[in-house]
N, C-alpha and C. Protein backbone atom coordinates (compact mmCIF):
# COMPACT_ATOMS: atom_id res chain seq x y z
N MET A 1 -17.34 61.21 56.39
CA MET A 1 -17.22 60.28 57.00
C MET A 1 -16.41 59.08 56.10
N LYS A 2 -15.50 58.40 56.94
CA LYS A 2 -14.93 57.29 56.20
C LYS A 2 -15.75 55.75 56.33
N TYR A 3 -15.44 55.04 55.19
CA TYR A 3 -16.49 53.83 55.04
C TYR A 3 -15.12 52.77 55.07
N TYR A 4 -15.01 51.58 55.62
CA TYR A 4 -14.37 50.15 55.24
C TYR A 4 -14.94 49.26 55.26
N VAL A 5 -14.02 48.33 54.30
CA VAL A 5 -14.56 46.90 54.44
C VAL A 5 -13.36 46.23 54.78
N TYR A 6 -13.35 45.36 55.68
CA TYR A 6 -12.49 44.51 56.44
C TYR A 6 -12.50 43.18 56.54
N ILE A 7 -11.35 42.19 56.92
CA ILE A 7 -11.57 40.83 57.02
C ILE A 7 -11.02 40.67 58.45
N LEU A 8 -11.40 40.22 59.41
CA LEU A 8 -10.93 39.46 60.56
C LEU A 8 -10.68 38.20 60.47
N GLU A 9 -9.45 37.73 61.40
CA GLU A 9 -9.20 36.22 61.40
C GLU A 9 -9.90 36.16 63.09
N CYS A 10 -10.59 34.89 63.02
CA CYS A 10 -11.01 34.63 64.24
C CYS A 10 -10.06 33.60 65.20
N ALA A 11 -10.30 33.40 66.38
CA ALA A 11 -9.29 32.56 67.07
C ALA A 11 -9.55 31.32 66.54
N ASP A 12 -10.61 30.70 65.87
CA ASP A 12 -10.65 29.42 65.42
C ASP A 12 -10.24 29.46 64.00
N GLY A 13 -9.26 30.44 63.60
CA GLY A 13 -8.73 30.45 62.17
C GLY A 13 -9.62 30.96 61.03
N THR A 14 -11.14 31.21 61.30
CA THR A 14 -11.80 31.27 60.04
C THR A 14 -11.66 32.74 59.91
N LEU A 15 -12.28 33.36 58.60
CA LEU A 15 -12.15 34.86 58.33
C LEU A 15 -13.89 35.19 57.98
N TYR A 16 -13.82 36.36 58.76
CA TYR A 16 -14.91 37.07 58.98
C TYR A 16 -15.02 38.65 57.99
N THR A 17 -15.61 38.54 57.00
CA THR A 17 -15.73 40.01 56.42
C THR A 17 -16.84 41.03 56.47
N GLY A 18 -16.53 42.41 56.74
CA GLY A 18 -17.49 43.13 57.38
C GLY A 18 -17.25 44.51 56.31
N SER A 19 -18.40 45.25 56.86
CA SER A 19 -17.80 46.99 56.67
C SER A 19 -18.68 47.89 57.51
N THR A 20 -18.18 48.98 57.77
CA THR A 20 -18.51 50.07 58.72
C THR A 20 -18.19 51.11 58.25
N GLN A 21 -18.82 52.28 58.96
CA GLN A 21 -18.75 53.60 58.54
C GLN A 21 -18.25 54.29 59.85
N GLY A 22 -17.33 55.03 59.99
CA GLY A 22 -16.65 55.53 60.87
C GLY A 22 -15.23 54.92 61.17
N SER A 23 -15.09 54.84 62.65
CA SER A 23 -13.67 54.17 63.48
C SER A 23 -13.66 52.75 63.28
N LEU A 24 -12.60 52.22 62.09
CA LEU A 24 -12.29 50.93 62.24
C LEU A 24 -11.93 50.07 63.77
N GLU A 25 -11.32 50.80 64.39
CA GLU A 25 -10.72 50.33 65.56
C GLU A 25 -12.19 50.25 66.50
N ASP A 26 -12.94 51.36 66.56
CA ASP A 26 -14.24 51.00 67.28
C ASP A 26 -14.59 49.74 66.91
N ARG A 27 -14.97 49.42 65.40
CA ARG A 27 -15.81 48.26 65.15
C ARG A 27 -14.99 46.88 65.58
N VAL A 28 -13.58 46.91 65.61
CA VAL A 28 -13.12 45.80 65.88
C VAL A 28 -13.02 45.57 67.31
N HIS A 29 -13.06 46.63 68.02
CA HIS A 29 -13.62 46.76 69.73
C HIS A 29 -14.74 45.96 70.28
N LYS A 30 -15.88 46.31 68.95
CA LYS A 30 -17.07 45.96 69.24
C LYS A 30 -17.18 44.68 69.00
N HIS A 31 -16.36 44.21 67.96
CA HIS A 31 -16.37 42.71 67.35
C HIS A 31 -15.82 41.65 68.70
N ASN A 32 -14.74 42.36 69.58
CA ASN A 32 -14.27 41.85 70.64
C ASN A 32 -14.83 41.81 72.15
N HIS A 33 -15.48 42.84 72.19
CA HIS A 33 -15.96 43.03 73.52
C HIS A 33 -17.36 43.29 73.86
N THR A 34 -18.06 43.55 72.63
CA THR A 34 -19.41 43.89 73.01
C THR A 34 -20.41 43.39 72.40
N LYS A 35 -21.83 43.02 72.67
CA LYS A 35 -22.79 42.46 71.93
C LYS A 35 -23.29 43.06 70.83
N ALA A 36 -22.42 44.19 70.24
CA ALA A 36 -22.47 44.82 68.81
C ALA A 36 -21.94 44.39 67.89
N GLY A 37 -21.21 43.74 68.23
CA GLY A 37 -20.27 43.00 67.06
C GLY A 37 -21.11 41.94 66.62
N ALA A 38 -20.53 41.21 65.57
CA ALA A 38 -21.32 40.15 64.60
C ALA A 38 -21.60 39.10 65.67
N LYS A 39 -22.47 38.36 65.43
CA LYS A 39 -23.08 37.14 66.11
C LYS A 39 -22.30 35.79 65.97
N TYR A 40 -21.43 36.00 64.45
CA TYR A 40 -20.22 35.12 64.30
C TYR A 40 -19.16 35.20 64.66
N THR A 41 -18.67 36.53 64.98
CA THR A 41 -17.28 36.53 65.87
C THR A 41 -17.63 36.60 67.26
N ARG A 42 -18.93 36.73 68.23
CA ARG A 42 -18.85 36.77 68.96
C ARG A 42 -18.52 35.47 69.90
N ALA A 43 -18.90 34.14 69.07
CA ALA A 43 -18.57 32.76 69.57
C ALA A 43 -17.27 32.53 68.89
N ARG A 44 -16.52 33.35 68.62
CA ARG A 44 -15.04 33.00 67.84
C ARG A 44 -13.62 34.09 68.81
N ARG A 45 -14.23 34.64 69.56
CA ARG A 45 -13.42 35.81 69.93
C ARG A 45 -12.08 35.10 70.48
N PRO A 46 -10.93 35.90 70.64
CA PRO A 46 -10.74 36.96 69.88
C PRO A 46 -10.72 37.03 68.48
N VAL A 47 -11.03 38.15 67.89
CA VAL A 47 -10.68 38.78 66.37
C VAL A 47 -9.67 39.42 66.23
N VAL A 48 -8.65 39.45 64.98
CA VAL A 48 -7.89 40.28 64.77
C VAL A 48 -8.15 40.90 63.44
N LEU A 49 -7.75 42.20 63.06
CA LEU A 49 -7.94 42.79 62.10
C LEU A 49 -6.80 42.24 61.16
N ARG A 50 -7.10 41.93 59.99
CA ARG A 50 -6.08 41.47 58.88
C ARG A 50 -6.09 42.01 57.66
N TYR A 51 -7.23 42.79 57.63
CA TYR A 51 -7.14 43.54 56.10
C TYR A 51 -7.98 44.75 56.19
N SER A 52 -7.95 45.83 55.35
CA SER A 52 -8.97 46.79 55.49
C SER A 52 -8.43 47.65 54.25
N GLU A 53 -9.90 47.74 53.61
CA GLU A 53 -9.63 49.15 52.73
C GLU A 53 -10.66 50.32 53.17
N GLU A 54 -10.19 51.15 52.47
CA GLU A 54 -11.24 52.62 52.90
C GLU A 54 -11.73 52.78 51.50
N CYS A 55 -13.30 53.14 51.57
CA CYS A 55 -13.71 53.06 50.29
C CYS A 55 -14.85 54.42 50.19
N ASP A 56 -15.54 54.75 49.12
CA ASP A 56 -15.69 56.32 48.91
C ASP A 56 -17.09 56.83 49.38
N SER A 57 -17.90 55.46 49.67
CA SER A 57 -19.04 55.77 50.36
C SER A 57 -19.45 54.22 51.37
N PHE A 58 -20.37 54.44 51.94
CA PHE A 58 -20.78 52.94 52.35
C PHE A 58 -21.27 52.09 51.44
N ALA A 59 -22.00 52.52 50.25
CA ALA A 59 -22.63 51.59 49.50
C ALA A 59 -21.39 50.96 48.30
N THR A 60 -20.40 51.80 48.47
CA THR A 60 -19.14 50.95 47.57
C THR A 60 -18.52 49.96 48.87
N ALA A 61 -18.63 50.18 49.91
CA ALA A 61 -17.84 49.42 51.10
C ALA A 61 -18.93 48.17 51.23
N ARG A 62 -19.88 48.21 50.67
CA ARG A 62 -20.86 46.85 50.95
C ARG A 62 -20.90 46.21 49.65
N ALA A 63 -20.83 46.77 48.83
CA ALA A 63 -20.57 46.12 47.35
C ALA A 63 -18.94 45.36 47.60
N ARG A 64 -18.24 45.98 48.07
CA ARG A 64 -16.76 45.28 48.06
C ARG A 64 -17.01 44.40 49.18
N GLU A 65 -17.55 44.02 50.22
CA GLU A 65 -17.59 43.19 51.34
C GLU A 65 -18.53 41.94 50.31
N ALA A 66 -19.72 42.52 49.47
CA ALA A 66 -20.09 41.27 48.94
C ALA A 66 -18.76 40.47 48.27
N GLU A 67 -18.36 41.35 47.17
CA GLU A 67 -17.36 40.75 46.46
C GLU A 67 -16.17 39.70 47.49
N ILE A 68 -15.78 40.41 47.92
CA ILE A 68 -15.00 39.67 49.12
C ILE A 68 -15.44 38.00 49.56
N LYS A 69 -16.72 38.57 50.09
CA LYS A 69 -17.20 37.23 50.78
C LYS A 69 -17.76 36.43 49.58
N ARG A 70 -17.73 36.34 48.37
CA ARG A 70 -17.98 35.51 47.21
C ARG A 70 -16.46 34.71 46.99
N LEU A 71 -15.42 35.28 47.44
CA LEU A 71 -14.27 34.57 47.14
C LEU A 71 -13.78 33.28 47.65
N LYS A 72 -13.44 32.31 47.42
CA LYS A 72 -12.95 31.26 48.55
C LYS A 72 -11.72 31.62 49.30
N LYS A 73 -11.76 30.91 50.18
CA LYS A 73 -10.79 31.01 51.07
C LYS A 73 -9.27 31.18 50.73
N PRO A 74 -8.66 30.65 49.86
CA PRO A 74 -7.58 30.72 49.45
C PRO A 74 -7.22 32.28 48.58
N ALA A 75 -8.42 32.64 47.90
CA ALA A 75 -8.13 33.88 47.48
C ALA A 75 -8.21 34.95 48.37
N LYS A 76 -8.77 34.91 49.53
CA LYS A 76 -8.66 35.76 50.72
C LYS A 76 -7.53 35.54 51.29
N LEU A 77 -7.16 34.64 51.58
CA LEU A 77 -5.71 34.59 52.23
C LEU A 77 -4.49 35.31 51.40
N ALA A 78 -4.44 35.28 50.04
CA ALA A 78 -3.81 35.82 48.98
C ALA A 78 -3.97 37.56 49.13
N LEU A 79 -5.68 37.66 49.35
CA LEU A 79 -5.66 39.30 49.57
C LEU A 79 -5.20 39.81 50.91
N LEU A 80 -5.03 38.99 51.69
CA LEU A 80 -4.25 39.31 53.38
C LEU A 80 -2.86 39.74 53.30
N LYS A 81 -2.05 38.76 51.98
CA LYS A 81 -0.77 38.59 51.91
C LYS A 81 0.04 39.67 51.08
N ALA A 82 -1.15 40.11 49.97
CA ALA A 82 -0.69 41.22 49.05
C ALA A 82 -1.69 41.91 48.53
N PRO A 83 -2.18 42.98 49.53
CA PRO A 83 -3.18 43.98 49.50
C PRO A 83 -3.48 44.62 48.11
N PHE A 84 -2.12 44.65 47.37
CA PHE A 84 -2.16 45.00 45.85
C PHE A 84 -2.94 44.32 45.16
N LEU A 85 -3.11 43.10 45.41
CA LEU A 85 -3.95 42.15 44.34
C LEU A 85 -5.74 42.87 44.51
N ARG A 86 -5.89 43.35 45.48
CA ARG A 86 -7.60 43.99 45.40
C ARG A 86 -8.18 44.49 44.28
N LYS A 87 -6.97 45.00 43.41
CA LYS A 87 -7.52 45.91 41.89
C LYS A 87 -7.76 44.56 40.94
N MET A 88 -6.91 43.47 41.27
CA MET A 88 -6.95 42.40 40.40
C MET A 88 -8.18 41.12 40.25
N ILE A 89 -8.85 41.06 41.29
CA ILE A 89 -9.57 40.34 42.30
C ILE A 89 -11.11 40.75 41.55
């Protein structure tokens, strides 16, 4: 099974960070079209996938999600523009 951490850009310009196991495409679809998406994104549809990282385990993905959530928006935007920076943050 694959595990991911991802950043979505919402219609209002805000960023949402999440993690999932399985298909990243299915998770983005849920954010855009079903109640299974996060409450935050349901009110800010449509969302667009802007960044993702594949992780070794769900625990690793959740830990990385927490790291990204602690970043300020300028650092998150830098991550979107230059994914290779993820090792430096």
